């Protein structure tokens, strides 16, 4: 047998055919399982999106002339840069996973926790941390304090350099998720096929192209989609991390839209929102290809570590660097408010007055409780809609052959959809209940459900066929076997809603009872309030961090395999 024939026979090929139909629920019940997710997607996302498209075309393509405006072009170019950072996040995560593939189980577990924690931090908090780290004043900014010792101070929060600061902040926040996904994929490679390939004298480059890369397709698609969703909704990171005079240089098209949609007028603003959606949708297509055709390998034993001491020595500085922003936040919060405003975080004090100011603010403590209750309700609604919908999608025989791929395409597109694409029609439709908790709960749930469906579908599709065939309670069994995916979907929903600023701002939500908006108001007098802001951010961050610690093992399994081990 030739090398090419061998590789064609044994290399993983994406089987995009519909699965063989086991005995289970009928299509009528399947439609019922899909009903809630479809109603929320159509009512909150698709119908307002269609209205936005119609508004943009109310003058033919005349409104699209706004895309030729210099400021609009700069904002769209900035959006492209932010979306490109999603690729850098995946590359960084893969590089870290490659370096850490042999560190051993104990150190690897600690490293996973350290690298993933930034993902649960609010972008507002991330922006504040990096703004403090790179403050132009060497009395406050650690980086400039170090450079100033060599007479090389840099205006990091000024033109040009601000991209470096916010780009580092974005990569720090999201690379850990990509690391987790890739780390597991690299730890359990298709070793049998590679041994067979070597026996047939297949060259190394061919092995990587035909065996290793297809095995990583699903992991890469999930990591890329999560990073793309974050990049498409970059908003609060810029608002908090960049000084007001510099925000126009780095603001994405979505942030520009929020600032100027009234000035642009309904038609041009709708055209800009559609252009943003098309840009994000096109860049989301690679995620669709990977999620649709991901390869599921039999469970492989973890690779035996080789030279773990050397790997640990290499990764220890990475862990320290990843923990540094957390240290900056905590140490700043442990300083007196007046001292934190004028001097750097490295001047240790152990003063709790900033926490006293934070907890003494009834608006902050009230918003903390209100946001917690609202977030828990949103998570429950997301799971109620997404779990049965993902189950139906995983059982492909329950849907017409021609409908399966378009449904997956729509789910990917909606998962990455910028909220600006439907904000104005949605504002008008919810105006009778504006200011009610119900409105914000429904909008938040509808935004998270497509991503939750994709995550759950990835896990449910891996549940072994005998578990679901000929069983009256098939859905219960699938949920039990795919419980890590359910945990992942719940944690993702919690973190996204808990940290969300965009939806509240776009719906003109009252700032008084939504925690991220309370934090956002501090950016108006950033340095004078940095002590209290840091204390509030520590308290707000503690909630999702505790959630990640409690669910750690299942959360990791959900990111990497999706089913119980």
Protein backbone atom coordinates (compact mmCIF):
# COMPACT_ATOMS: atom_id res chain seq x y z
CA UNK A 1 0.00 0.00 0.00
CA UNK A 2 1.37 3.44 -0.89
CA UNK A 3 1.81 6.16 1.73
CA UNK A 4 -0.95 8.21 0.15
CA UNK A 5 -3.36 5.27 0.08
CA UNK A 6 -2.51 4.45 3.68
CA UNK A 7 -3.15 7.98 4.86
CA UNK A 8 -6.42 8.10 2.98
CA UNK A 9 -7.53 4.95 4.76
CA UNK A 10 -6.51 5.79 8.32
CA UNK A 11 -6.50 9.58 8.54
CA UNK A 12 -9.62 11.06 10.15
CA UNK A 13 -12.18 12.28 7.66
CA UNK A 14 -15.02 14.56 8.73
CA UNK A 15 -18.22 12.59 8.37
CA UNK A 16 -20.85 15.21 7.65
CA UNK A 17 -23.58 12.69 6.91
CA UNK A 18 -26.59 12.52 9.17
CA UNK A 19 -26.18 9.93 11.95
CA UNK A 20 -28.07 6.66 11.68
CA UNK A 21 -31.45 7.03 13.29
CA UNK A 22 -31.73 5.32 16.67
CA UNK A 23 -35.08 4.79 18.30
CA UNK A 24 -35.87 7.85 20.38
CA UNK A 25 -38.15 10.86 20.40
CA UNK A 26 -40.09 11.74 17.29
CA UNK A 27 -39.87 14.93 15.32
CA UNK A 28 -42.95 16.41 16.97
CA UNK A 29 -41.40 16.16 20.42
CA UNK A 30 -38.12 17.37 18.97
CA UNK A 31 -39.91 20.51 17.77
CA UNK A 32 -41.14 21.03 21.32
CA UNK A 33 -37.59 20.70 22.63
CA UNK A 34 -36.47 23.41 20.21
CA UNK A 35 -39.40 25.74 20.87
CA UNK A 36 -38.06 27.93 23.70
CA UNK A 37 -34.62 28.41 22.12
CA UNK A 38 -36.20 29.24 18.76
CA UNK A 39 -38.69 31.69 20.26
CA UNK A 40 -35.96 33.58 22.12
CA UNK A 41 -33.61 33.55 19.14
CA UNK A 42 -36.28 34.75 16.72
CA UNK A 43 -37.94 37.25 19.04
CA UNK A 44 -34.84 38.85 20.54
CA UNK A 45 -32.16 38.34 17.88
CA UNK A 46 -33.38 37.41 14.41
CA UNK A 47 -36.48 39.63 14.16
CA UNK A 48 -34.65 42.78 15.37
CA UNK A 49 -31.71 41.87 13.12
CA UNK A 50 -34.07 41.63 10.14
CA UNK A 51 -35.55 45.00 11.11
CA UNK A 52 -32.04 46.49 11.23
CA UNK A 53 -31.32 45.15 7.72
CA UNK A 54 -34.59 46.59 6.40
CA UNK A 55 -33.84 49.99 7.95
CA UNK A 56 -30.39 49.97 6.37
CA UNK A 57 -31.99 49.32 2.96
CA UNK A 58 -34.78 51.88 3.30
CA UNK A 59 -32.87 54.12 0.84
CA UNK A 60 -31.57 51.31 -1.31
CA UNK A 61 -27.87 51.11 -0.60
CA UNK A 62 -27.66 54.85 0.01
CA UNK A 63 -27.25 54.49 3.75
CA UNK A 64 -24.19 52.33 3.19
CA UNK A 65 -22.32 55.41 1.97
CA UNK A 66 -21.58 55.96 5.67
CA UNK A 67 -19.00 53.18 5.37
CA UNK A 68 -16.86 55.58 3.32
CA UNK A 69 -16.62 58.09 6.16
CA UNK A 70 -13.10 58.38 7.56
CA UNK A 71 -14.07 57.89 11.21
CA UNK A 72 -16.31 54.93 10.37
CA UNK A 73 -13.54 53.32 8.33
CA UNK A 74 -11.13 53.73 11.23
CA UNK A 75 -13.64 52.14 13.61
CA UNK A 76 -14.18 49.21 11.22
CA UNK A 77 -10.43 48.84 10.84
CA UNK A 78 -10.12 48.77 14.62
CA UNK A 79 -12.80 46.06 14.73
CA UNK A 80 -10.77 44.02 12.28
CA UNK A 81 -7.70 44.39 14.52
CA UNK A 82 -9.66 43.28 17.58
CA UNK A 83 -11.09 40.29 15.70
CA UNK A 84 -7.59 39.46 14.49
CA UNK A 85 -6.50 39.33 18.12
CA UNK A 86 -8.76 36.26 18.45
CA UNK A 87 -6.29 34.42 16.22
CA UNK A 88 -3.41 35.67 18.38
CA UNK A 89 -5.24 34.39 21.47
CA UNK A 90 -5.53 30.93 19.91
CA UNK A 91 -1.89 30.97 18.83
CA UNK A 92 -0.77 32.02 22.32
CA UNK A 93 -2.94 29.36 23.94
CA UNK A 94 -1.58 26.70 21.59
CA UNK A 95 2.02 27.81 22.21
CA UNK A 96 1.55 27.68 25.98
CA UNK A 97 -0.13 24.28 25.71
CA UNK A 98 2.75 22.98 23.61
CA UNK A 99 5.32 24.19 26.13
CA UNK A 100 3.31 22.77 29.06
CA UNK A 101 2.46 19.39 27.55
CA UNK A 102 4.90 17.47 29.78
CA UNK A 103 4.81 19.41 33.06
CA UNK A 104 3.18 16.59 34.98
CA UNK A 105 -0.32 16.33 36.50
CA UNK A 106 0.21 18.31 39.73
CA UNK A 107 1.93 21.33 38.24
CA UNK A 108 -0.35 21.10 35.19
CA UNK A 109 -3.43 21.36 37.40
CA UNK A 110 -2.12 24.47 39.13
CA UNK A 111 -1.12 25.98 35.79
CA UNK A 112 -4.59 25.39 34.34
CA UNK A 113 -6.22 27.25 37.23
CA UNK A 114 -3.80 30.19 36.99
CA UNK A 115 -4.18 30.59 33.23
CA UNK A 116 -7.96 30.29 33.09
CA UNK A 117 -8.81 32.68 35.94
CA UNK A 118 -8.41 35.87 33.83
CA UNK A 119 -11.30 34.68 31.64
CA UNK A 120 -13.77 35.15 34.50
CA UNK A 121 -12.56 38.66 35.27
CA UNK A 122 -14.69 41.52 34.00
CA UNK A 123 -13.15 43.35 31.01
CA UNK A 124 -13.71 46.51 33.07
CA UNK A 125 -11.44 45.10 35.76
CA UNK A 126 -8.90 43.95 33.20
CA UNK A 127 -8.82 47.43 31.67
CA UNK A 128 -8.33 49.01 35.09
CA UNK A 129 -5.47 46.63 35.98
CA UNK A 130 -3.51 47.24 32.79
CA UNK A 131 -4.14 50.97 32.93
CA UNK A 132 -2.55 50.99 36.39
CA UNK A 133 0.33 48.75 35.29
CA UNK A 134 1.18 50.99 32.33
CA UNK A 135 0.36 54.37 33.86
CA UNK A 136 2.48 57.08 32.28
CA UNK A 137 3.43 58.50 35.67
CA UNK A 138 6.37 56.41 36.99
CA UNK A 139 5.17 57.14 40.52
CA UNK A 140 2.10 55.00 39.80
CA UNK A 141 2.85 52.82 36.77
CA UNK A 142 5.16 49.87 37.45
CA UNK A 143 6.34 49.46 33.86
CA UNK A 144 7.31 53.09 33.52
CA UNK A 145 8.88 53.00 36.98
CA UNK A 146 11.19 50.23 35.76
CA UNK A 147 11.90 51.92 32.44
CA UNK A 148 12.37 55.26 34.12
CA UNK A 149 15.28 53.78 36.04
CA UNK A 150 16.99 53.46 32.66
CA UNK A 151 15.82 56.90 31.45
CA UNK A 152 13.50 55.19 28.96
CA UNK A 153 10.01 56.18 30.11
CA UNK A 154 7.27 55.59 27.52
CA UNK A 155 3.79 57.08 27.22
CA UNK A 156 2.10 53.66 27.10
CA UNK A 157 -1.36 55.18 27.37
CA UNK A 158 -0.65 57.55 24.47
CA UNK A 159 -0.91 57.21 20.66
CA UNK A 160 0.25 53.91 19.22
CA UNK A 161 1.30 52.40 22.54
CA UNK A 162 -2.29 52.13 23.75
CA UNK A 163 -2.80 49.28 21.27
CA UNK A 164 0.01 47.36 22.93
CA UNK A 165 -1.50 47.85 26.39
CA UNK A 166 -5.04 46.82 25.46
CA UNK A 167 -3.83 44.04 23.15
CA UNK A 168 -1.81 42.54 26.00
CA UNK A 169 -4.84 42.87 28.28
CA UNK A 170 -7.07 41.03 25.78
CA UNK A 171 -4.54 38.24 25.18
CA UNK A 172 -3.95 37.84 28.93
CA UNK A 173 -7.66 37.55 29.58
CA UNK A 174 -8.57 34.96 26.94
CA UNK A 175 -5.46 32.89 26.12
CA UNK A 176 -6.01 30.67 29.15
CA UNK A 177 -9.23 29.26 27.72
CA UNK A 178 -7.46 28.38 24.47
CA UNK A 179 -4.64 26.86 26.53
CA UNK A 180 -7.05 24.54 28.34
CA UNK A 181 -8.64 23.29 25.15
CA UNK A 182 -5.34 22.69 23.36
CA UNK A 183 -3.58 21.27 26.42
CA UNK A 184 -5.97 18.32 26.66
CA UNK A 185 -5.89 17.72 22.90
CA UNK A 186 -2.09 17.61 22.93
CA UNK A 187 -2.02 15.41 26.04
CA UNK A 188 -4.06 12.67 24.36
CA UNK A 189 -2.86 12.48 20.75
CA UNK A 190 -3.88 9.75 18.25
CA UNK A 191 -0.71 7.86 19.14
CA UNK A 192 -1.77 4.60 17.48
CA UNK A 193 -2.17 6.19 14.08
CA UNK A 194 1.13 8.01 14.39
CA UNK A 195 2.93 4.76 15.22
CA UNK A 196 1.35 3.14 12.19
CA UNK A 197 2.32 6.11 10.05
CA UNK A 198 5.92 5.81 11.18
CA UNK A 199 5.82 2.10 10.38
CA UNK A 200 4.85 3.01 6.83
CA UNK A 201 7.69 5.57 6.73
CA UNK A 202 5.30 8.48 6.34
CA UNK A 203 7.26 11.70 6.70
CA UNK A 204 6.70 13.84 9.80
CA UNK A 205 5.21 16.80 7.93
CA UNK A 206 2.64 14.51 6.33
CA UNK A 207 1.75 13.02 9.72
CA UNK A 208 1.14 16.47 11.18
CA UNK A 209 -1.02 17.54 8.22
CA UNK A 210 -3.08 14.35 7.94
CA UNK A 211 -3.37 13.17 11.55
CA UNK A 212 -2.43 15.75 14.18
CA UNK A 213 -4.14 18.83 12.70
CA UNK A 214 -7.50 17.09 12.08
CA UNK A 215 -7.35 15.82 15.66
CA UNK A 216 -7.03 19.43 16.87
CA UNK A 217 -9.81 20.82 14.63
CA UNK A 218 -12.57 20.65 17.24
CA UNK A 219 -10.39 22.15 19.98
CA UNK A 220 -9.19 24.96 17.70
CA UNK A 221 -12.75 25.75 16.59
CA UNK A 222 -14.04 26.04 20.16
CA UNK A 223 -11.10 28.17 21.28
CA UNK A 224 -11.43 30.43 18.24
CA UNK A 225 -15.18 30.85 18.67
CA UNK A 226 -14.88 31.84 22.34
CA UNK A 227 -12.12 34.35 21.53
CA UNK A 228 -14.10 35.71 18.57
CA UNK A 229 -17.18 36.29 20.73
CA UNK A 230 -15.03 38.27 23.17
CA UNK A 231 -13.40 40.26 20.35
CA UNK A 232 -16.71 41.02 18.64
CA UNK A 233 -18.04 42.51 21.88
CA UNK A 234 -14.98 44.52 22.94
CA UNK A 235 -16.50 47.50 24.64
CA UNK A 236 -15.81 47.95 28.34
CA UNK A 237 -12.12 47.05 28.04
CA UNK A 238 -11.64 50.22 25.96
CA UNK A 239 -13.91 52.35 28.14
CA UNK A 240 -11.95 51.52 31.29
CA UNK A 241 -8.48 50.77 29.94
CA UNK A 242 -7.93 53.76 27.65
CA UNK A 243 -7.95 57.42 28.72
CA UNK A 244 -10.78 59.40 27.17
CA UNK A 245 -8.50 61.18 24.71
CA UNK A 246 -7.19 57.85 23.38
CA UNK A 247 -10.43 55.89 23.06
CA UNK A 248 -11.14 57.01 19.50
CA UNK A 249 -7.83 55.44 18.41
CA UNK A 250 -8.74 51.96 19.66
CA UNK A 251 -12.54 51.89 19.82
CA UNK A 252 -14.18 49.13 17.83
CA UNK A 253 -17.02 49.65 15.40
CA UNK A 254 -19.45 48.60 18.13
CA UNK A 255 -18.24 51.23 20.56
CA UNK A 256 -18.22 53.86 17.80
CA UNK A 257 -21.81 52.88 16.98
CA UNK A 258 -22.86 53.32 20.60
CA UNK A 259 -21.31 56.77 20.78
CA UNK A 260 -22.57 58.07 17.43
CA UNK A 261 -25.71 56.17 16.38
CA UNK A 262 -27.94 59.16 17.18
CA UNK A 263 -25.68 61.49 15.16
CA UNK A 264 -25.52 59.07 12.22
CA UNK A 265 -29.29 58.68 11.97
CA UNK A 266 -31.35 55.45 11.81
CA UNK A 267 -30.41 54.40 8.27
CA UNK A 268 -26.62 54.92 8.40
CA UNK A 269 -26.45 53.52 11.95
CA UNK A 270 -28.29 50.40 10.80
CA UNK A 271 -25.93 50.09 7.82
CA UNK A 272 -22.92 50.22 10.14
CA UNK A 273 -24.47 47.58 12.41
CA UNK A 274 -25.09 45.29 9.42
CA UNK A 275 -21.52 45.78 8.20
CA UNK A 276 -20.20 44.81 11.64
CA UNK A 277 -22.38 41.71 11.66
CA UNK A 278 -21.21 40.63 8.21
CA UNK A 279 -17.58 41.14 9.21
CA UNK A 280 -17.97 39.01 12.33
CA UNK A 281 -20.02 36.38 10.50
CA UNK A 282 -17.39 35.90 7.82
CA UNK A 283 -14.66 35.52 10.42
CA UNK A 284 -16.80 32.99 12.32
CA UNK A 285 -16.98 30.59 9.35
CA UNK A 286 -13.75 28.74 10.29
CA UNK A 287 -15.32 27.93 13.66
CA UNK A 288 -18.32 26.43 11.87
CA UNK A 289 -16.07 24.17 9.79
CA UNK A 290 -14.22 22.95 12.86
CA UNK A 291 -17.30 22.38 15.04
CA UNK A 292 -19.18 20.62 12.25
CA UNK A 293 -16.39 18.28 11.31
CA UNK A 294 -14.54 17.75 14.55
CA UNK A 295 -12.93 14.36 15.00
CA UNK A 296 -13.86 12.31 18.04
CA UNK A 297 -11.09 9.93 19.03
CA UNK A 298 -11.42 6.97 21.38
CA UNK A 299 -10.26 7.86 24.87
CA UNK A 300 -6.47 7.80 24.89
CA UNK A 301 -4.24 7.49 27.94
CA UNK A 302 -2.43 10.71 28.74
CA UNK A 303 1.03 10.89 27.28
CA UNK A 304 3.80 10.06 29.73
CA UNK A 305 5.67 13.24 30.70
CA UNK A 306 9.14 13.61 29.25
CA UNK A 307 11.59 15.79 31.17
CA UNK A 308 8.85 17.37 33.35
CA UNK A 309 11.37 19.26 35.50
CA UNK A 310 12.63 21.21 32.50
CA UNK A 311 9.08 21.98 31.37
CA UNK A 312 8.10 23.16 34.85
CA UNK A 313 11.13 25.41 34.98
CA UNK A 314 10.08 26.89 31.64
CA UNK A 315 6.44 27.43 32.59
CA UNK A 316 6.99 28.78 36.12
CA UNK A 317 7.81 32.32 34.86
CA UNK A 318 4.67 32.19 32.70
CA UNK A 319 2.57 31.43 35.77
CA UNK A 320 4.18 34.34 37.64
CA UNK A 321 3.52 36.74 34.76
CA UNK A 322 -0.11 35.58 34.58
CA UNK A 323 -0.57 36.18 38.31
CA UNK A 324 0.99 39.66 38.25
CA UNK A 325 -2.19 41.54 37.18
CA UNK A 326 -4.11 39.88 40.03
CA UNK A 327 -1.40 40.98 42.45
CA UNK A 328 -1.66 44.53 41.13
CA UNK A 329 -5.42 44.55 41.69
CA UNK A 330 -5.29 43.11 45.21
CA UNK A 331 -2.37 45.24 46.40
CA UNK A 332 -3.99 48.41 45.05
CA UNK A 333 -7.18 47.54 46.91
CA UNK A 334 -5.19 47.18 50.14
CA UNK A 335 -4.07 50.81 50.10
CA UNK A 336 -5.74 53.90 51.48
CA UNK A 337 -7.79 55.61 48.73
CA UNK A 338 -5.76 58.83 48.85
CA UNK A 339 -2.43 56.92 48.74
CA UNK A 340 -3.52 54.69 45.86
CA UNK A 341 -4.34 57.80 43.81
CA UNK A 342 -0.82 59.23 43.92
CA UNK A 343 1.64 56.34 44.33
CA UNK A 344 2.24 52.85 43.00
CA UNK A 345 0.71 49.59 44.16
CA UNK A 346 4.10 48.22 45.23
CA UNK A 347 4.08 50.49 48.30
CA UNK A 348 2.60 47.90 50.65
CA UNK A 349 0.24 49.15 53.36
CA UNK A 350 -2.41 46.59 54.28
CA UNK A 351 -5.01 49.33 54.67
CA UNK A 352 -8.67 48.22 54.45
CA UNK A 353 -10.25 51.66 54.06
CA UNK A 354 -10.86 51.11 50.33
CA UNK A 355 -12.91 48.03 51.22
CA UNK A 356 -14.73 50.04 53.84
CA UNK A 357 -15.65 52.64 51.24
CA UNK A 358 -16.73 49.91 48.79
CA UNK A 359 -18.93 48.02 51.26
CA UNK A 360 -20.24 51.25 52.73
CA UNK A 361 -21.69 52.19 49.35
CA UNK A 362 -25.28 50.92 49.48
CA UNK A 363 -25.54 51.29 45.70
CA UNK A 364 -22.66 48.87 45.19
CA UNK A 365 -23.82 46.27 47.72
CA UNK A 366 -27.40 46.47 46.44
CA UNK A 367 -26.26 46.03 42.85
CA UNK A 368 -24.09 43.09 43.93
CA UNK A 369 -27.08 41.18 45.28
CA UNK A 370 -29.45 42.21 42.49
CA UNK A 371 -26.99 41.23 39.77
CA UNK A 372 -26.34 37.88 41.45
CA UNK A 373 -30.03 37.00 41.58
CA UNK A 374 -30.61 38.15 38.00
CA UNK A 375 -27.60 36.21 36.73
CA UNK A 376 -28.73 32.97 38.39
CA UNK A 377 -32.17 33.35 36.79
CA UNK A 378 -30.56 33.94 33.38
CA UNK A 379 -28.41 30.80 33.76
CA UNK A 380 -31.52 28.74 34.59
CA UNK A 381 -33.35 30.11 31.55
CA UNK A 382 -30.35 29.48 29.28
CA UNK A 383 -30.09 25.84 30.37
CA UNK A 384 -33.85 25.35 30.12
CA UNK A 385 -33.74 26.43 26.48
CA UNK A 386 -30.30 25.25 25.37
CA UNK A 387 -30.14 21.72 26.80
CA UNK A 388 -33.12 20.27 24.89
CA UNK A 389 -32.17 22.21 21.75
CA UNK A 390 -28.61 20.87 21.82
CA UNK A 391 -29.95 17.36 22.39
CA UNK A 392 -32.05 17.58 19.24
CA UNK A 393 -29.12 18.91 17.21
CA UNK A 394 -26.90 16.10 18.51
CA UNK A 395 -29.50 13.54 17.37
CA UNK A 396 -29.24 14.50 13.71
CA UNK A 397 -31.98 12.14 12.50
CA UNK A 398 -34.57 14.33 14.24
CA UNK A 399 -34.06 17.13 11.71
CA UNK A 400 -34.38 17.14 7.92
CA UNK A 401 -31.03 16.56 6.21
CA UNK A 402 -31.05 19.97 4.53
CA UNK A 403 -31.84 21.82 7.76
CA UNK A 404 -29.04 20.50 9.95
CA UNK A 405 -26.11 22.48 8.53
CA UNK A 406 -27.99 25.80 8.22
CA UNK A 407 -29.12 25.51 11.84
CA UNK A 408 -25.53 25.04 12.96
CA UNK A 409 -24.49 27.99 10.78
CA UNK A 410 -27.15 30.21 12.34
CA UNK A 411 -26.10 29.13 15.84
CA UNK A 412 -22.46 30.06 15.16
CA UNK A 413 -23.45 33.39 13.59
CA UNK A 414 -25.77 34.30 16.48
CA UNK A 415 -23.16 33.30 19.06
CA UNK A 416 -20.75 35.90 17.65
CA UNK A 417 -23.38 38.49 16.69
CA UNK A 418 -22.57 42.03 17.92
CA UNK A 419 -25.47 43.33 20.06
CA UNK A 420 -25.46 46.56 18.04
CA UNK A 421 -27.01 44.60 15.17
CA UNK A 422 -30.37 44.44 16.92
CA UNK A 423 -30.12 47.11 19.63
CA UNK A 424 -32.35 49.86 18.18
CA UNK A 425 -35.33 47.68 17.09
CA UNK A 426 -35.04 45.80 20.36
CA UNK A 427 -35.08 49.03 22.37
CA UNK A 428 -38.33 49.97 20.67
CA UNK A 429 -39.91 46.56 21.20
CA UNK A 430 -39.05 46.37 24.92
CA UNK A 431 -39.91 50.00 25.65
CA UNK A 432 -43.23 49.03 27.33
CA UNK A 433 -41.26 46.99 29.89
CA UNK A 434 -38.07 49.07 29.87
CA UNK A 435 -36.45 49.16 33.29
CA UNK A 436 -37.95 45.82 34.38
CA UNK A 437 -35.73 42.92 35.37
CA UNK A 438 -37.67 40.66 33.01
CA UNK A 439 -36.50 42.59 29.94
CA UNK A 440 -32.82 42.35 30.83
CA UNK A 441 -33.12 38.66 31.78
CA UNK A 442 -34.71 37.74 28.45
CA UNK A 443 -32.20 39.72 26.37
CA UNK A 444 -29.23 38.32 28.25
CA UNK A 445 -30.52 34.76 27.94
CA UNK A 446 -31.20 35.11 24.22
CA UNK A 447 -27.65 36.38 23.64
CA UNK A 448 -26.04 33.48 25.51
CA UNK A 449 -28.26 30.63 24.27
CA UNK A 450 -26.59 30.18 20.82
CA UNK A 451 -23.15 29.81 22.40
CA UNK A 452 -24.56 27.47 25.06
CA UNK A 453 -26.19 25.33 22.36
CA UNK A 454 -22.89 24.99 20.50
CA UNK A 455 -21.02 24.02 23.68
CA UNK A 456 -23.69 21.50 24.69
CA UNK A 457 -23.99 20.08 21.18
CA UNK A 458 -20.24 19.44 21.15
CA UNK A 459 -20.54 17.38 24.34
CA UNK A 460 -23.86 15.65 23.66
CA UNK A 461 -22.67 14.48 20.24
CA UNK A 462 -19.91 12.52 22.00
CA UNK A 463 -22.27 10.51 24.19
CA UNK A 464 -22.03 6.89 23.09
CA UNK A 465 -24.94 5.65 20.99
CA UNK A 466 -25.97 2.76 23.30
CA UNK A 467 -26.73 5.32 26.00
CA UNK A 468 -29.36 7.09 23.93
CA UNK A 469 -30.76 4.33 21.77
CA UNK A 470 -34.12 2.77 22.68
CA UNK A 471 -34.43 4.64 25.95
CA UNK A 472 -37.49 6.46 27.12
CA UNK A 473 -35.47 8.88 29.22
CA UNK A 474 -32.77 9.46 26.62
CA UNK A 475 -32.48 13.18 27.31
CA UNK A 476 -31.82 12.54 31.01
CA UNK A 477 -29.10 10.03 30.16
CA UNK A 478 -27.46 12.37 27.66
CA UNK A 479 -27.47 15.22 30.18
CA UNK A 480 -25.96 12.95 32.81
CA UNK A 481 -23.21 11.66 30.51
CA UNK A 482 -22.63 15.15 29.09
CA UNK A 483 -22.80 16.88 32.48
CA UNK A 484 -19.37 18.54 32.04
CA UNK A 485 -20.76 20.34 28.99
CA UNK A 486 -23.77 21.43 31.03
CA UNK A 487 -21.45 22.80 33.72
CA UNK A 488 -19.39 24.62 31.08
CA UNK A 489 -22.50 26.16 29.52
CA UNK A 490 -23.76 27.27 32.94
CA UNK A 491 -20.43 28.83 33.95
CA UNK A 492 -20.08 30.58 30.57
CA UNK A 493 -23.59 32.00 30.92
CA UNK A 494 -22.91 33.15 34.48
CA UNK A 495 -19.61 34.84 33.64
CA UNK A 496 -20.92 36.53 30.49
CA UNK A 497 -23.98 37.95 32.25
CA UNK A 498 -22.23 38.81 35.52
CA UNK A 499 -19.55 40.80 33.68
CA UNK A 500 -21.74 42.28 30.94
CA UNK A 501 -21.73 46.00 30.34
CA UNK A 502 -22.73 46.12 26.67
CA UNK A 503 -26.35 45.01 26.93
CA UNK A 504 -27.06 47.36 29.82
CA UNK A 505 -25.63 50.34 27.95
CA UNK A 506 -27.31 49.51 24.64
CA UNK A 507 -30.69 49.14 26.32
CA UNK A 508 -30.15 52.33 28.35
CA UNK A 509 -30.41 50.27 31.52
CA UNK A 510 -30.51 52.20 34.81
CA UNK A 511 -27.00 52.05 36.25
CA UNK A 512 -28.17 51.71 39.83
CA UNK A 513 -28.85 47.98 39.98
CA UNK A 514 -26.37 46.42 37.54
CA UNK A 515 -22.93 45.76 39.01
CA UNK A 516 -20.73 46.35 35.91
CA UNK A 517 -22.37 49.71 35.31
CA UNK A 518 -21.59 50.71 38.91
CA UNK A 519 -17.92 49.92 38.23
CA UNK A 520 -18.01 51.69 34.87
CA UNK A 521 -19.07 54.97 36.45
CA UNK A 522 -15.72 55.07 38.28
CA UNK A 523 -13.81 55.56 35.01
CA UNK A 524 -14.88 59.22 34.94
CA UNK A 525 -12.45 59.94 37.81
CA UNK A 526 -10.20 56.92 37.39
CA UNK A 527 -7.03 57.71 39.39
CA UNK A 528 -8.74 59.48 42.26
CA UNK A 529 -11.07 56.51 42.74
CA UNK A 530 -8.63 53.69 41.94
CA UNK A 531 -8.43 52.40 45.52
CA UNK A 532 -12.18 52.03 45.95
CA UNK A 533 -12.57 50.81 42.37
CA UNK A 534 -9.96 48.09 42.98
CA UNK A 535 -11.72 46.96 46.17
CA UNK A 536 -15.06 46.79 44.34
CA UNK A 537 -13.41 44.89 41.48
CA UNK A 538 -11.87 42.35 43.88
CA UNK A 539 -15.26 41.71 45.48
CA UNK A 540 -16.96 41.44 42.09
CA UNK A 541 -14.25 39.10 40.78
CA UNK A 542 -14.41 36.83 43.82
CA UNK A 543 -17.86 35.53 42.83
CA UNK A 544 -16.99 34.02 39.40
CA UNK A 545 -13.57 32.91 40.69
CA UNK A 546 -15.29 30.94 43.46
CA UNK A 547 -17.62 29.42 40.88
CA UNK A 548 -14.67 28.28 38.75
CA UNK A 549 -12.91 26.76 41.76
CA UNK A 550 -16.02 24.86 42.86
CA UNK A 551 -16.75 23.50 39.38
CA UNK A 552 -13.09 23.19 38.36
CA UNK A 553 -12.85 19.50 37.45
CA UNK A 554 -16.13 19.33 35.54
CA UNK A 555 -15.48 22.71 33.93
CA UNK A 556 -12.12 21.50 32.64
CA UNK A 557 -13.72 18.32 31.35
CA UNK A 558 -16.42 20.36 29.63
CA UNK A 559 -13.84 22.50 27.83
CA UNK A 560 -11.76 19.55 26.71
CA UNK A 561 -14.01 16.53 26.24
CA UNK A 562 -17.59 17.48 27.00
CA UNK A 563 -18.51 14.13 28.58
CA UNK A 564 -17.78 12.33 31.81
CA UNK A 565 -14.42 10.59 31.93
